[in-house]
């Protein structure tokens, strides 16, 4: 996966604009805790099964231990409860999909992206 670093709150304006572009299916945010074995497992599973590269889905990676304030801003901005690990799909500046822990699934992400295009 071609991860983009998410490490400042100022990036959200650009992410929201990017998520509204016609050719973008959605923007994925992955919140990861490097001290959590469940988070490492979810990241590993996601990276192994991800087949959507090149499909206009920017993927952002947040190390929430280093950038806790950014994680807090995600919860506020997209009206989701903070969890870790957590995946969010942003389309038109809104969270259209959120999953955490063992519910993180490439198939579910693909379904959410497909639904957002219909």
C-alpha atoms as a PDB file:
ATOM      1  CA  UNK A   1       0.000   0.000   0.000  1.00  0.00           C
ATOM      2  CA  UNK A   2       1.120   3.516  -0.678  1.00  0.00           C
ATOM      3  CA  UNK A   3       0.473   5.126   2.700  1.00  0.00           C
ATOM      4  CA  UNK A   4       0.333   8.882   3.046  1.00  0.00           C
ATOM      5  CA  UNK A   5       1.311  10.160   6.482  1.00  0.00           C
ATOM      6  CA  UNK A   6      -1.439  11.821   8.476  1.00  0.00           C
ATOM      7  CA  UNK A   7       0.203  13.856  11.198  1.00  0.00           C
ATOM      8  CA  UNK A   8      -1.378  17.321  11.374  1.00  0.00           C
ATOM      9  CA  UNK A   9      -4.881  18.603  11.883  1.00  0.00           C
ATOM     10  CA  UNK A  10      -4.356  21.032   9.001  1.00  0.00           C
ATOM     11  CA  UNK A  11      -4.418  18.080   6.562  1.00  0.00           C
ATOM     12  CA  UNK A  12      -8.168  17.557   7.022  1.00  0.00           C
ATOM     13  CA  UNK A  13      -9.162  20.434   4.759  1.00  0.00           C
ATOM     14  CA  UNK A  14      -7.179  18.845   1.920  1.00  0.00           C
ATOM     15  CA  UNK A  15      -8.502  15.358   2.720  1.00  0.00           C
ATOM     16  CA  UNK A  16     -12.085  16.618   2.625  1.00  0.00           C
ATOM     17  CA  UNK A  17     -11.497  18.412  -0.672  1.00  0.00           C
ATOM     18  CA  UNK A  18      -9.783  15.340  -2.109  1.00  0.00           C
ATOM     19  CA  UNK A  19     -12.694  13.131  -0.996  1.00  0.00           C
ATOM     20  CA  UNK A  20     -15.099  15.297  -3.005  1.00  0.00           C
ATOM     21  CA  UNK A  21     -13.212  15.003  -6.289  1.00  0.00           C
ATOM     22  CA  UNK A  22     -15.197  13.120  -8.928  1.00  0.00           C
ATOM     23  CA  UNK A  23     -12.429  10.613  -9.765  1.00  0.00           C
ATOM     24  CA  UNK A  24     -11.784   9.755  -6.091  1.00  0.00           C
ATOM     25  CA  UNK A  25     -13.842   6.797  -4.829  1.00  0.00           C
ATOM     26  CA  UNK A  26     -13.098   7.733  -1.233  1.00  0.00           C
ATOM     27  CA  UNK A  27     -10.240   8.526   1.097  1.00  0.00           C
ATOM     28  CA  UNK A  28      -9.217   5.899   3.634  1.00  0.00           C
ATOM     29  CA  UNK A  29      -7.844   6.798   7.063  1.00  0.00           C
ATOM     30  CA  UNK A  30      -6.167   4.068   9.121  1.00  0.00           C
ATOM     31  CA  UNK A  31      -5.535   4.767  12.807  1.00  0.00           C
ATOM     32  CA  UNK A  32      -2.795   2.561  14.199  1.00  0.00           C
ATOM     33  CA  UNK A  33      -1.315   2.015  17.650  1.00  0.00           C
ATOM     34  CA  UNK A  34       2.176   0.580  17.383  1.00  0.00           C
ATOM     35  CA  UNK A  35       1.889  -0.754  20.966  1.00  0.00           C
ATOM     36  CA  UNK A  36      -1.203  -2.829  20.273  1.00  0.00           C
ATOM     37  CA  UNK A  37      -0.937  -6.354  18.869  1.00  0.00           C
ATOM     38  CA  UNK A  38      -4.531  -6.219  17.559  1.00  0.00           C
ATOM     39  CA  UNK A  39      -3.704  -3.025  15.681  1.00  0.00           C
ATOM     40  CA  UNK A  40      -0.586  -4.626  14.183  1.00  0.00           C
ATOM     41  CA  UNK A  41      -2.618  -7.666  13.138  1.00  0.00           C
ATOM     42  CA  UNK A  42      -5.294  -5.486  11.503  1.00  0.00           C
ATOM     43  CA  UNK A  43      -2.664  -3.476   9.632  1.00  0.00           C
ATOM     44  CA  UNK A  44      -0.919  -6.640   8.429  1.00  0.00           C
ATOM     45  CA  UNK A  45      -4.207  -8.218   7.242  1.00  0.00           C
ATOM     46  CA  UNK A  46      -5.220  -5.028   5.461  1.00  0.00           C
ATOM     47  CA  UNK A  47      -1.888  -4.665   3.693  1.00  0.00           C
ATOM     48  CA  UNK A  48      -1.852  -8.330   2.608  1.00  0.00           C
ATOM     49  CA  UNK A  49      -5.371  -8.262   1.182  1.00  0.00           C
ATOM     50  CA  UNK A  50      -5.410  -4.745  -0.300  1.00  0.00           C
ATOM     51  CA  UNK A  51      -5.874  -4.926  -4.055  1.00  0.00           C
ATOM     52  CA  UNK A  52      -7.253  -1.446  -4.689  1.00  0.00           C
ATOM     53  CA  UNK A  53      -4.039   0.459  -5.351  1.00  0.00           C
ATOM     54  CA  UNK A  54      -4.408   2.637  -8.387  1.00  0.00           C
ATOM     55  CA  UNK A  55      -8.189   2.783  -7.905  1.00  0.00           C
ATOM     56  CA  UNK A  56      -8.234   6.425  -6.822  1.00  0.00           C
ATOM     57  CA  UNK A  57      -8.389   5.667  -3.115  1.00  0.00           C
ATOM     58  CA  UNK A  58      -5.802   7.696  -1.226  1.00  0.00           C
ATOM     59  CA  UNK A  59      -4.801   5.854   1.951  1.00  0.00           C
ATOM     60  CA  UNK A  60      -3.658   7.797   5.005  1.00  0.00           C
ATOM     61  CA  UNK A  61      -1.831   6.275   7.968  1.00  0.00           C
ATOM     62  CA  UNK A  62      -2.025   7.822  11.428  1.00  0.00           C
ATOM     63  CA  UNK A  63       0.333   6.775  14.199  1.00  0.00           C
ATOM     64  CA  UNK A  64      -2.025   7.744  16.969  1.00  0.00           C
ATOM     65  CA  UNK A  65       0.567   7.394  19.716  1.00  0.00           C
ATOM     66  CA  UNK A  66       2.615  10.169  18.116  1.00  0.00           C
ATOM     67  CA  UNK A  67      -0.331  12.253  16.929  1.00  0.00           C
ATOM     68  CA  UNK A  68      -3.085  11.782  19.498  1.00  0.00           C
ATOM     69  CA  UNK A  69      -4.538  15.250  18.829  1.00  0.00           C
ATOM     70  CA  UNK A  70      -5.060  14.283  15.178  1.00  0.00           C
ATOM     71  CA  UNK A  71      -6.963  11.184  16.295  1.00  0.00           C
ATOM     72  CA  UNK A  72      -9.123  13.329  18.567  1.00  0.00           C
ATOM     73  CA  UNK A  73      -9.822  15.673  15.641  1.00  0.00           C
ATOM     74  CA  UNK A  74     -10.921  12.692  13.506  1.00  0.00           C
ATOM     75  CA  UNK A  75     -13.504  11.753  16.142  1.00  0.00           C
ATOM     76  CA  UNK A  76     -14.820  15.327  16.273  1.00  0.00           C
ATOM     77  CA  UNK A  77     -14.746  16.071  12.567  1.00  0.00           C
ATOM     78  CA  UNK A  78     -16.297  12.835  11.333  1.00  0.00           C
ATOM     79  CA  UNK A  79     -18.562  12.171  14.316  1.00  0.00           C
ATOM     80  CA  UNK A  80     -17.105   8.767  15.164  1.00  0.00           C
ATOM     81  CA  UNK A  81     -16.035   7.277  18.456  1.00  0.00           C
ATOM     82  CA  UNK A  82     -12.277   6.920  18.828  1.00  0.00           C
ATOM     83  CA  UNK A  83     -11.092   3.340  18.450  1.00  0.00           C
ATOM     84  CA  UNK A  84      -7.817   1.692  17.595  1.00  0.00           C
ATOM     85  CA  UNK A  85      -7.176   0.205  15.214  1.00  0.00           C
ATOM     86  CA  UNK A  86      -9.764   1.957  13.093  1.00  0.00           C
ATOM     87  CA  UNK A  87     -10.476   2.472   9.414  1.00  0.00           C
ATOM     88  CA  UNK A  88     -12.628   5.292   8.102  1.00  0.00           C
ATOM     89  CA  UNK A  89     -13.702   5.990   4.535  1.00  0.00           C
ATOM     90  CA  UNK A  90     -14.300   9.656   3.788  1.00  0.00           C
ATOM     91  CA  UNK A  91     -16.404  10.730   0.802  1.00  0.00           C
ATOM     92  CA  UNK A  92     -17.524  14.309   0.179  1.00  0.00           C
ATOM     93  CA  UNK A  93     -16.073  15.315   3.547  1.00  0.00           C
ATOM     94  CA  UNK A  94     -18.180  12.813   5.512  1.00  0.00           C
ATOM     95  CA  UNK A  95     -17.393   9.452   7.057  1.00  0.00           C
ATOM     96  CA  UNK A  96     -19.350   6.852   5.072  1.00  0.00           C
ATOM     97  CA  UNK A  97     -17.746   3.805   6.695  1.00  0.00           C
ATOM     98  CA  UNK A  98     -15.980   3.050   9.942  1.00  0.00           C
ATOM     99  CA  UNK A  99     -14.688  -0.239  11.352  1.00  0.00           C
ATOM    100  CA  UNK A 100     -12.369  -1.224  14.127  1.00  0.00           C
ATOM    101  CA  UNK A 101     -10.427  -4.180  15.461  1.00  0.00           C
ATOM    102  CA  UNK A 102     -11.259  -7.513  13.781  1.00  0.00           C
ATOM    103  CA  UNK A 103     -14.121  -5.912  11.799  1.00  0.00           C
ATOM    104  CA  UNK A 104     -11.556  -4.199   9.544  1.00  0.00           C
ATOM    105  CA  UNK A 105     -11.959  -5.983   6.219  1.00  0.00           C
ATOM    106  CA  UNK A 106     -10.893  -5.191   2.684  1.00  0.00           C
ATOM    107  CA  UNK A 107     -14.133  -6.740   1.388  1.00  0.00           C
ATOM    108  CA  UNK A 108     -16.194  -4.407   3.605  1.00  0.00           C
ATOM    109  CA  UNK A 109     -14.131  -1.410   2.524  1.00  0.00           C
ATOM    110  CA  UNK A 110     -14.628  -2.361  -1.143  1.00  0.00           C
ATOM    111  CA  UNK A 111     -18.389  -2.677  -0.555  1.00  0.00           C
ATOM    112  CA  UNK A 112     -18.545   0.752   1.119  1.00  0.00           C
ATOM    113  CA  UNK A 113     -16.605   2.314  -1.761  1.00  0.00           C
ATOM    114  CA  UNK A 114     -18.862   0.643  -4.339  1.00  0.00           C
ATOM    115  CA  UNK A 115     -21.964   1.823  -2.493  1.00  0.00           C
ATOM    116  CA  UNK A 116     -20.659   5.395  -2.373  1.00  0.00           C
ATOM    117  CA  UNK A 117     -20.351   5.370  -6.179  1.00  0.00           C
ATOM    118  CA  UNK A 118     -23.975   4.347  -6.752  1.00  0.00           C
END
